[in-house]
């Protein structure tokens, strides 16, 4: 059982970079070494996406909430056909 919880307010992180993710990962590691839990608060969508892109969502304990209206693909019909041979002959 963790003895303490450290909360990091990410509200001021407007344009996260790889360096932002590096610092968060280092904080997580340092907290774990001190037998503490790291909690991220007010994480914006850009930071969530970058954490997900780096594959650290599980490690850092954050996941983006699915927003079906934005992510749903429109239903359409695609026609399958063969490409013609461009070589002369």
PDB file of N, CA and C in Angstrom:
ATOM      1  N   UNK A   1       0.829  -1.179   0.000  1.00  0.00           N
ATOM      2  CA  UNK A   1       0.000   0.000   0.000  1.00  0.00           C
ATOM      3  C   UNK A   1       0.878   1.249   0.000  1.00  0.00           C
ATOM      4  N   UNK A   2       0.564   2.193  -0.859  1.00  0.00           N
ATOM      5  CA  UNK A   2       1.320   3.438  -0.946  1.00  0.00           C
ATOM      6  C   UNK A   2       1.048   4.304   0.279  1.00  0.00           C
ATOM      7  N   UNK A   3       2.075   4.961   0.779  1.00  0.00           N
ATOM      8  CA  UNK A   3       1.931   5.749   1.995  1.00  0.00           C
ATOM      9  C   UNK A   3       1.458   7.177   1.720  1.00  0.00           C
ATOM     10  N   UNK A   4       1.711   7.700   0.523  1.00  0.00           N
ATOM     11  CA  UNK A   4       1.319   9.081   0.233  1.00  0.00           C
ATOM     12  C   UNK A   4       0.951   9.216  -1.235  1.00  0.00           C
ATOM     13  N   UNK A   5       0.185  10.259  -1.529  1.00  0.00           N
ATOM     14  CA  UNK A   5      -0.205  10.541  -2.898  1.00  0.00           C
ATOM     15  C   UNK A   5       0.294  11.939  -3.262  1.00  0.00           C
ATOM     16  N   UNK A   6       0.966  12.024  -4.392  1.00  0.00           N
ATOM     17  CA  UNK A   6       1.452  13.305  -4.903  1.00  0.00           C
ATOM     18  C   UNK A   6       0.572  13.683  -6.088  1.00  0.00           C
ATOM     19  N   UNK A   7      -0.035  14.864  -6.043  1.00  0.00           N
ATOM     20  CA  UNK A   7      -0.908  15.317  -7.117  1.00  0.00           C
ATOM     21  C   UNK A   7      -0.204  16.413  -7.904  1.00  0.00           C
ATOM     22  N   UNK A   8      -0.152  16.229  -9.225  1.00  0.00           N
ATOM     23  CA  UNK A   8       0.454  17.215 -10.111  1.00  0.00           C
ATOM     24  C   UNK A   8      -0.667  17.843 -10.938  1.00  0.00           C
ATOM     25  N   UNK A   9      -0.849  19.147 -10.803  1.00  0.00           N
ATOM     26  CA  UNK A   9      -1.867  19.869 -11.567  1.00  0.00           C
ATOM     27  C   UNK A   9      -1.277  20.249 -12.922  1.00  0.00           C
ATOM     28  N   UNK A  10      -1.822  19.673 -13.981  1.00  0.00           N
ATOM     29  CA  UNK A  10      -1.305  19.887 -15.334  1.00  0.00           C
ATOM     30  C   UNK A  10      -2.083  20.961 -16.098  1.00  0.00           C
ATOM     31  N   UNK A  11      -2.871  21.772 -15.403  1.00  0.00           N
ATOM     32  CA  UNK A  11      -3.703  22.783 -16.059  1.00  0.00           C
ATOM     33  C   UNK A  11      -2.885  23.805 -16.840  1.00  0.00           C
ATOM     34  N   UNK A  12      -1.673  24.065 -16.419  1.00  0.00           N
ATOM     35  CA  UNK A  12      -0.854  25.078 -17.096  1.00  0.00           C
ATOM     36  C   UNK A  12      -0.050  24.509 -18.268  1.00  0.00           C
ATOM     37  N   UNK A  13      -0.190  23.220 -18.538  1.00  0.00           N
ATOM     38  CA  UNK A  13       0.531  22.597 -19.653  1.00  0.00           C
ATOM     39  C   UNK A  13      -0.325  22.754 -20.905  1.00  0.00           C
ATOM     40  N   UNK A  14      -0.054  23.802 -21.684  1.00  0.00           N
ATOM     41  CA  UNK A  14      -0.849  24.093 -22.880  1.00  0.00           C
ATOM     42  C   UNK A  14      -0.328  23.384 -24.115  1.00  0.00           C
ATOM     43  N   UNK A  15       0.984  23.358 -24.292  1.00  0.00           N
ATOM     44  CA  UNK A  15       1.594  22.731 -25.463  1.00  0.00           C
ATOM     45  C   UNK A  15       2.638  21.709 -25.009  1.00  0.00           C
ATOM     46  N   UNK A  16       2.178  20.490 -24.680  1.00  0.00           N
ATOM     47  CA  UNK A  16       3.111  19.478 -24.179  1.00  0.00           C
ATOM     48  C   UNK A  16       4.074  19.016 -25.270  1.00  0.00           C
ATOM     49  N   UNK A  17       5.272  18.658 -24.843  1.00  0.00           N
ATOM     50  CA  UNK A  17       6.302  18.152 -25.751  1.00  0.00           C
ATOM     51  C   UNK A  17       6.835  16.837 -25.190  1.00  0.00           C
ATOM     52  N   UNK A  18       7.780  16.262 -25.898  1.00  0.00           N
ATOM     53  CA  UNK A  18       8.432  15.046 -25.403  1.00  0.00           C
ATOM     54  C   UNK A  18       9.108  15.314 -24.061  1.00  0.00           C
ATOM     55  N   UNK A  19       9.627  16.523 -23.889  1.00  0.00           N
ATOM     56  CA  UNK A  19      10.265  16.879 -22.617  1.00  0.00           C
ATOM     57  C   UNK A  19       9.247  16.877 -21.473  1.00  0.00           C
ATOM     58  N   UNK A  20       8.010  17.272 -21.759  1.00  0.00           N
ATOM     59  CA  UNK A  20       6.945  17.249 -20.752  1.00  0.00           C
ATOM     60  C   UNK A  20       6.702  15.815 -20.299  1.00  0.00           C
ATOM     61  N   UNK A  21       6.604  14.910 -21.266  1.00  0.00           N
ATOM     62  CA  UNK A  21       6.364  13.503 -20.952  1.00  0.00           C
ATOM     63  C   UNK A  21       7.544  12.932 -20.174  1.00  0.00           C
ATOM     64  N   UNK A  22       8.751  13.319 -20.551  1.00  0.00           N
ATOM     65  CA  UNK A  22       9.954  12.862 -19.853  1.00  0.00           C
ATOM     66  C   UNK A  22       9.912  13.292 -18.386  1.00  0.00           C
ATOM     67  N   UNK A  23       9.550  14.531 -18.137  1.00  0.00           N
ATOM     68  CA  UNK A  23       9.499  15.025 -16.763  1.00  0.00           C
ATOM     69  C   UNK A  23       8.426  14.312 -15.942  1.00  0.00           C
ATOM     70  N   UNK A  24       7.264  14.070 -16.568  1.00  0.00           N
ATOM     71  CA  UNK A  24       6.199  13.359 -15.861  1.00  0.00           C
ATOM     72  C   UNK A  24       6.642  11.930 -15.531  1.00  0.00           C
ATOM     73  N   UNK A  25       7.286  11.278 -16.483  1.00  0.00           N
ATOM     74  CA  UNK A  25       7.769   9.915 -16.244  1.00  0.00           C
ATOM     75  C   UNK A  25       8.814   9.888 -15.130  1.00  0.00           C
ATOM     76  N   UNK A  26       9.692  10.892 -15.103  1.00  0.00           N
ATOM     77  CA  UNK A  26      10.702  10.963 -14.034  1.00  0.00           C
ATOM     78  C   UNK A  26      10.050  11.199 -12.676  1.00  0.00           C
ATOM     79  N   UNK A  27       9.007  12.045 -12.640  1.00  0.00           N
ATOM     80  CA  UNK A  27       8.270  12.262 -11.390  1.00  0.00           C
ATOM     81  C   UNK A  27       7.610  10.973 -10.916  1.00  0.00           C
ATOM     82  N   UNK A  28       7.032  10.231 -11.857  1.00  0.00           N
ATOM     83  CA  UNK A  28       6.385   8.959 -11.526  1.00  0.00           C
ATOM     84  C   UNK A  28       7.401   7.990 -10.921  1.00  0.00           C
ATOM     85  N   UNK A  29       8.580   7.901 -11.529  1.00  0.00           N
ATOM     86  CA  UNK A  29       9.626   7.011 -11.032  1.00  0.00           C
ATOM     87  C   UNK A  29      10.115   7.441  -9.647  1.00  0.00           C
ATOM     88  N   UNK A  30      10.335   8.739  -9.472  1.00  0.00           N
ATOM     89  CA  UNK A  30      10.792   9.237  -8.174  1.00  0.00           C
ATOM     90  C   UNK A  30       9.737   8.991  -7.092  1.00  0.00           C
ATOM     91  N   UNK A  31       8.477   9.188  -7.443  1.00  0.00           N
ATOM     92  CA  UNK A  31       7.397   8.936  -6.482  1.00  0.00           C
ATOM     93  C   UNK A  31       7.352   7.473  -6.085  1.00  0.00           C
ATOM     94  N   UNK A  32       7.510   6.586  -7.070  1.00  0.00           N
ATOM     95  CA  UNK A  32       7.476   5.149  -6.792  1.00  0.00           C
ATOM     96  C   UNK A  32       8.630   4.760  -5.873  1.00  0.00           C
ATOM     97  N   UNK A  33       9.807   5.350  -6.109  1.00  0.00           N
ATOM     98  CA  UNK A  33      10.972   5.042  -5.266  1.00  0.00           C
ATOM     99  C   UNK A  33      10.757   5.484  -3.825  1.00  0.00           C
ATOM    100  N   UNK A  34       9.936   6.507  -3.634  1.00  0.00           N
ATOM    101  CA  UNK A  34       9.637   7.003  -2.286  1.00  0.00           C
ATOM    102  C   UNK A  34       8.365   6.378  -1.720  1.00  0.00           C
ATOM    103  N   UNK A  35       7.892   5.329  -2.380  1.00  0.00           N
ATOM    104  CA  UNK A  35       6.681   4.626  -1.972  1.00  0.00           C
ATOM    105  C   UNK A  35       5.464   5.547  -1.974  1.00  0.00           C
ATOM    106  N   UNK A  36       5.390   6.398  -3.003  1.00  0.00           N
ATOM    107  CA  UNK A  36       4.264   7.314  -3.166  1.00  0.00           C
ATOM    108  C   UNK A  36       3.557   7.035  -4.487  1.00  0.00           C
ATOM    109  N   UNK A  37       2.353   7.543  -4.582  1.00  0.00           N
ATOM    110  CA  UNK A  37       1.566   7.420  -5.807  1.00  0.00           C
ATOM    111  C   UNK A  37       1.500   8.789  -6.471  1.00  0.00           C
ATOM    112  N   UNK A  38       1.688   8.831  -7.794  1.00  0.00           N
ATOM    113  CA  UNK A  38       1.612  10.084  -8.543  1.00  0.00           C
ATOM    114  C   UNK A  38       0.267  10.157  -9.240  1.00  0.00           C
ATOM    115  N   UNK A  39      -0.431  11.270  -9.040  1.00  0.00           N
ATOM    116  CA  UNK A  39      -1.725  11.486  -9.678  1.00  0.00           C
ATOM    117  C   UNK A  39      -1.654  12.757 -10.516  1.00  0.00           C
ATOM    118  N   UNK A  40      -2.071  12.657 -11.780  1.00  0.00           N
ATOM    119  CA  UNK A  40      -2.121  13.834 -12.650  1.00  0.00           C
ATOM    120  C   UNK A  40      -3.528  14.385 -12.631  1.00  0.00           C
ATOM    121  N   UNK A  41      -3.627  15.702 -12.461  1.00  0.00           N
ATOM    122  CA  UNK A  41      -4.916  16.370 -12.357  1.00  0.00           C
ATOM    123  C   UNK A  41      -5.023  17.417 -13.468  1.00  0.00           C
ATOM    124  N   UNK A  42      -6.223  17.627 -13.999  1.00  0.00           N
ATOM    125  CA  UNK A  42      -6.491  18.621 -15.043  1.00  0.00           C
ATOM    126  C   UNK A  42      -5.621  18.406 -16.282  1.00  0.00           C
ATOM    127  N   UNK A  43      -5.588  17.174 -16.739  1.00  0.00           N
ATOM    128  CA  UNK A  43      -4.794  16.821 -17.917  1.00  0.00           C
ATOM    129  C   UNK A  43      -5.612  17.164 -19.165  1.00  0.00           C
ATOM    130  N   UNK A  44      -5.060  18.012 -20.049  1.00  0.00           N
ATOM    131  CA  UNK A  44      -5.812  18.390 -21.245  1.00  0.00           C
ATOM    132  C   UNK A  44      -5.681  17.319 -22.329  1.00  0.00           C
ATOM    133  N   UNK A  45      -6.491  17.452 -23.364  1.00  0.00           N
ATOM    134  CA  UNK A  45      -6.552  16.443 -24.420  1.00  0.00           C
ATOM    135  C   UNK A  45      -5.220  16.290 -25.158  1.00  0.00           C
ATOM    136  N   UNK A  46      -4.507  17.398 -25.399  1.00  0.00           N
ATOM    137  CA  UNK A  46      -3.223  17.307 -26.094  1.00  0.00           C
ATOM    138  C   UNK A  46      -2.210  16.480 -25.299  1.00  0.00           C
ATOM    139  N   UNK A  47      -2.181  16.702 -24.008  1.00  0.00           N
ATOM    140  CA  UNK A  47      -1.264  15.936 -23.156  1.00  0.00           C
ATOM    141  C   UNK A  47      -1.667  14.464 -23.118  1.00  0.00           C
ATOM    142  N   UNK A  48      -2.969  14.202 -23.026  1.00  0.00           N
ATOM    143  CA  UNK A  48      -3.443  12.819 -23.037  1.00  0.00           C
ATOM    144  C   UNK A  48      -3.056  12.115 -24.331  1.00  0.00           C
ATOM    145  N   UNK A  49      -3.233  12.803 -25.449  1.00  0.00           N
ATOM    146  CA  UNK A  49      -2.900  12.208 -26.741  1.00  0.00           C
ATOM    147  C   UNK A  49      -1.401  11.939 -26.862  1.00  0.00           C
ATOM    148  N   UNK A  50      -0.585  12.856 -26.383  1.00  0.00           N
ATOM    149  CA  UNK A  50       0.858  12.668 -26.447  1.00  0.00           C
ATOM    150  C   UNK A  50       1.308  11.508 -25.552  1.00  0.00           C
ATOM    151  N   UNK A  51       0.712  11.407 -24.381  1.00  0.00           N
ATOM    152  CA  UNK A  51       1.025  10.285 -23.489  1.00  0.00           C
ATOM    153  C   UNK A  51       0.618   8.976 -24.156  1.00  0.00           C
ATOM    154  N   UNK A  52      -0.544   8.969 -24.784  1.00  0.00           N
ATOM    155  CA  UNK A  52      -0.993   7.776 -25.495  1.00  0.00           C
ATOM    156  C   UNK A  52      -0.093   7.434 -26.665  1.00  0.00           C
ATOM    157  N   UNK A  53       0.341   8.449 -27.395  1.00  0.00           N
ATOM    158  CA  UNK A  53       1.227   8.250 -28.547  1.00  0.00           C
ATOM    159  C   UNK A  53       2.550   7.623 -28.135  1.00  0.00           C
ATOM    160  N   UNK A  54       3.055   8.017 -26.984  1.00  0.00           N
ATOM    161  CA  UNK A  54       4.322   7.470 -26.501  1.00  0.00           C
ATOM    162  C   UNK A  54       4.161   6.083 -25.892  1.00  0.00           C
ATOM    163  N   UNK A  55       2.912   5.661 -25.710  1.00  0.00           N
ATOM    164  CA  UNK A  55       2.663   4.338 -25.144  1.00  0.00           C
ATOM    165  C   UNK A  55       2.804   4.283 -23.636  1.00  0.00           C
ATOM    166  N   UNK A  56       2.735   5.422 -22.982  1.00  0.00           N
ATOM    167  CA  UNK A  56       2.936   5.465 -21.528  1.00  0.00           C
ATOM    168  C   UNK A  56       1.638   5.645 -20.737  1.00  0.00           C
ATOM    169  N   UNK A  57       0.489   5.486 -21.381  1.00  0.00           N
ATOM    170  CA  UNK A  57      -0.794   5.666 -20.685  1.00  0.00           C
ATOM    171  C   UNK A  57      -0.911   4.756 -19.474  1.00  0.00           C
ATOM    172  N   UNK A  58      -0.595   3.498 -19.655  1.00  0.00           N
ATOM    173  CA  UNK A  58      -0.687   2.545 -18.548  1.00  0.00           C
ATOM    174  C   UNK A  58       0.317   2.821 -17.454  1.00  0.00           C
ATOM    175  N   UNK A  59       1.517   3.165 -17.843  1.00  0.00           N
ATOM    176  CA  UNK A  59       2.588   3.439 -16.876  1.00  0.00           C
ATOM    177  C   UNK A  59       2.269   4.677 -16.045  1.00  0.00           C
ATOM    178  N   UNK A  60       1.759   5.714 -16.719  1.00  0.00           N
ATOM    179  CA  UNK A  60       1.477   6.964 -16.021  1.00  0.00           C
ATOM    180  C   UNK A  60       0.074   7.005 -15.421  1.00  0.00           C
ATOM    181  N   UNK A  61      -0.723   5.984 -15.709  1.00  0.00           N
ATOM    182  CA  UNK A  61      -2.042   5.878 -15.095  1.00  0.00           C
ATOM    183  C   UNK A  61      -3.065   6.847 -15.641  1.00  0.00           C
ATOM    184  N   UNK A  62      -2.973   7.199 -16.902  1.00  0.00           N
ATOM    185  CA  UNK A  62      -3.969   8.077 -17.518  1.00  0.00           C
ATOM    186  C   UNK A  62      -4.462   7.448 -18.815  1.00  0.00           C
ATOM    187  N   UNK A  63      -5.718   7.694 -19.111  1.00  0.00           N
ATOM    188  CA  UNK A  63      -6.280   7.227 -20.365  1.00  0.00           C
ATOM    189  C   UNK A  63      -7.247   8.273 -20.884  1.00  0.00           C
ATOM    190  N   UNK A  64      -7.244   8.458 -22.193  1.00  0.00           N
ATOM    191  CA  UNK A  64      -8.171   9.405 -22.810  1.00  0.00           C
ATOM    192  C   UNK A  64      -9.568   8.801 -22.803  1.00  0.00           C
ATOM    193  N   UNK A  65     -10.544   9.636 -22.483  1.00  0.00           N
ATOM    194  CA  UNK A  65     -11.917   9.178 -22.535  1.00  0.00           C
ATOM    195  C   UNK A  65     -12.378   9.207 -23.978  1.00  0.00           C
ATOM    196  N   UNK A  66     -13.084   8.169 -24.384  1.00  0.00           N
ATOM    197  CA  UNK A  66     -13.551   8.078 -25.758  1.00  0.00           C
ATOM    198  C   UNK A  66     -14.699   9.046 -25.967  1.00  0.00           C
ATOM    199  N   UNK A  67     -14.626   9.806 -27.050  1.00  0.00           N
ATOM    200  CA  UNK A  67     -15.682  10.731 -27.403  1.00  0.00           C
ATOM    201  C   UNK A  67     -16.242  10.295 -28.757  1.00  0.00           C
ATOM    202  N   UNK A  68     -17.308   9.488 -28.750  1.00  0.00           N
ATOM    203  CA  UNK A  68     -17.772   8.867 -29.971  1.00  0.00           C
ATOM    204  C   UNK A  68     -18.160   9.838 -31.081  1.00  0.00           C
ATOM    205  N   UNK A  69     -18.703  10.981 -30.771  1.00  0.00           N
ATOM    206  CA  UNK A  69     -19.136  11.906 -31.812  1.00  0.00           C
ATOM    207  C   UNK A  69     -17.972  12.388 -32.660  1.00  0.00           C
ATOM    208  N   UNK A  70     -16.825  12.595 -32.054  1.00  0.00           N
ATOM    209  CA  UNK A  70     -15.674  13.099 -32.787  1.00  0.00           C
ATOM    210  C   UNK A  70     -14.933  11.989 -33.530  1.00  0.00           C
ATOM    211  N   UNK A  71     -14.974  10.785 -33.020  1.00  0.00           N
ATOM    212  CA  UNK A  71     -14.138   9.732 -33.564  1.00  0.00           C
ATOM    213  C   UNK A  71     -14.873   8.789 -34.513  1.00  0.00           C
ATOM    214  N   UNK A  72     -16.191   8.860 -34.572  1.00  0.00           N
ATOM    215  CA  UNK A  72     -16.913   7.951 -35.431  1.00  0.00           C
ATOM    216  C   UNK A  72     -16.676   8.294 -36.894  1.00  0.00           C
ATOM    217  N   UNK A  73     -16.502   7.275 -37.690  1.00  0.00           N
ATOM    218  CA  UNK A  73     -16.298   7.448 -39.116  1.00  0.00           C
ATOM    219  C   UNK A  73     -17.664   7.473 -39.784  1.00  0.00           C
ATOM    220  N   UNK A  74     -17.797   8.266 -40.822  1.00  0.00           N
ATOM    221  CA  UNK A  74     -19.055   8.255 -41.555  1.00  0.00           C
ATOM    222  C   UNK A  74     -19.129   6.973 -42.362  1.00  0.00           C
ATOM    223  N   UNK A  75     -20.318   6.433 -42.447  1.00  0.00           N
ATOM    224  CA  UNK A  75     -20.514   5.193 -43.193  1.00  0.00           C
ATOM    225  C   UNK A  75     -20.617   5.516 -44.669  1.00  0.00           C
ATOM    226  N   UNK A  76     -19.844   4.853 -45.448  1.00  0.00           N
ATOM    227  CA  UNK A  76     -19.868   5.063 -46.882  1.00  0.00           C
ATOM    228  C   UNK A  76     -19.527   3.773 -47.590  1.00  0.00           C
ATOM    229  N   UNK A  77     -19.765   3.751 -48.866  1.00  0.00           N
ATOM    230  CA  UNK A  77     -19.481   2.562 -49.654  1.00  0.00           C
ATOM    231  C   UNK A  77     -18.244   2.829 -50.480  1.00  0.00           C
ATOM    232  N   UNK A  78     -17.288   1.937 -50.384  1.00  0.00           N
ATOM    233  CA  UNK A  78     -16.096   2.033 -51.213  1.00  0.00           C
ATOM    234  C   UNK A  78     -16.166   0.961 -52.269  1.00  0.00           C
ATOM    235  N   UNK A  79     -15.901   1.341 -53.478  1.00  0.00           N
ATOM    236  CA  UNK A  79     -15.964   0.401 -54.582  1.00  0.00           C
ATOM    237  C   UNK A  79     -14.592  -0.212 -54.801  1.00  0.00           C
ATOM    238  N   UNK A  80     -14.544  -1.529 -54.919  1.00  0.00           N
ATOM    239  CA  UNK A  80     -13.285  -2.208 -55.150  1.00  0.00           C
ATOM    240  C   UNK A  80     -13.130  -2.447 -56.645  1.00  0.00           C
ATOM    241  N   UNK A  81     -11.955  -2.122 -57.137  1.00  0.00           N
ATOM    242  CA  UNK A  81     -11.690  -2.353 -58.557  1.00  0.00           C
ATOM    243  C   UNK A  81     -10.210  -2.601 -58.754  1.00  0.00           C
ATOM    244  N   UNK A  82      -9.854  -3.128 -59.915  1.00  0.00           N
ATOM    245  CA  UNK A  82      -8.464  -3.416 -60.207  1.00  0.00           C
ATOM    246  C   UNK A  82      -7.829  -2.228 -60.913  1.00  0.00           C
ATOM    247  N   UNK A  83      -6.548  -1.999 -60.613  1.00  0.00           N
ATOM    248  CA  UNK A  83      -5.814  -0.951 -61.315  1.00  0.00           C
ATOM    249  C   UNK A  83      -5.398  -1.461 -62.680  1.00  0.00           C
ATOM    250  N   UNK A  84      -5.475  -0.596 -63.681  1.00  0.00           N
ATOM    251  CA  UNK A  84      -5.054  -1.045 -64.998  1.00  0.00           C
ATOM    252  C   UNK A  84      -3.536  -1.002 -65.075  1.00  0.00           C
ATOM    253  N   UNK A  85      -2.977  -1.793 -65.920  1.00  0.00           N
ATOM    254  CA  UNK A  85      -1.535  -1.910 -66.078  1.00  0.00           C
ATOM    255  C   UNK A  85      -1.008  -0.705 -66.839  1.00  0.00           C
ATOM    256  N   UNK A  86      -0.151   0.138 -66.212  1.00  0.00           N
ATOM    257  CA  UNK A  86       0.347   1.331 -66.873  1.00  0.00           C
ATOM    258  C   UNK A  86       1.453   1.060 -67.900  1.00  0.00           C
ATOM    259  N   UNK A  87       1.998  -0.157 -67.924  1.00  0.00           N
ATOM    260  CA  UNK A  87       3.101  -0.441 -68.845  1.00  0.00           C
ATOM    261  C   UNK A  87       2.565  -0.628 -70.274  1.00  0.00           C
ATOM    262  N   UNK A  88       3.288  -0.043 -71.263  1.00  0.00           N
ATOM    263  CA  UNK A  88       2.838  -0.191 -72.657  1.00  0.00           C
ATOM    264  C   UNK A  88       3.055  -1.612 -73.152  1.00  0.00           C
ATOM    265  N   UNK A  89       2.183  -2.027 -73.979  1.00  0.00           N
ATOM    266  CA  UNK A  89       2.501  -3.293 -74.556  1.00  0.00           C
ATOM    267  C   UNK A  89       1.424  -4.148 -74.860  1.00  0.00           C
TER     268      UNK A  89
END
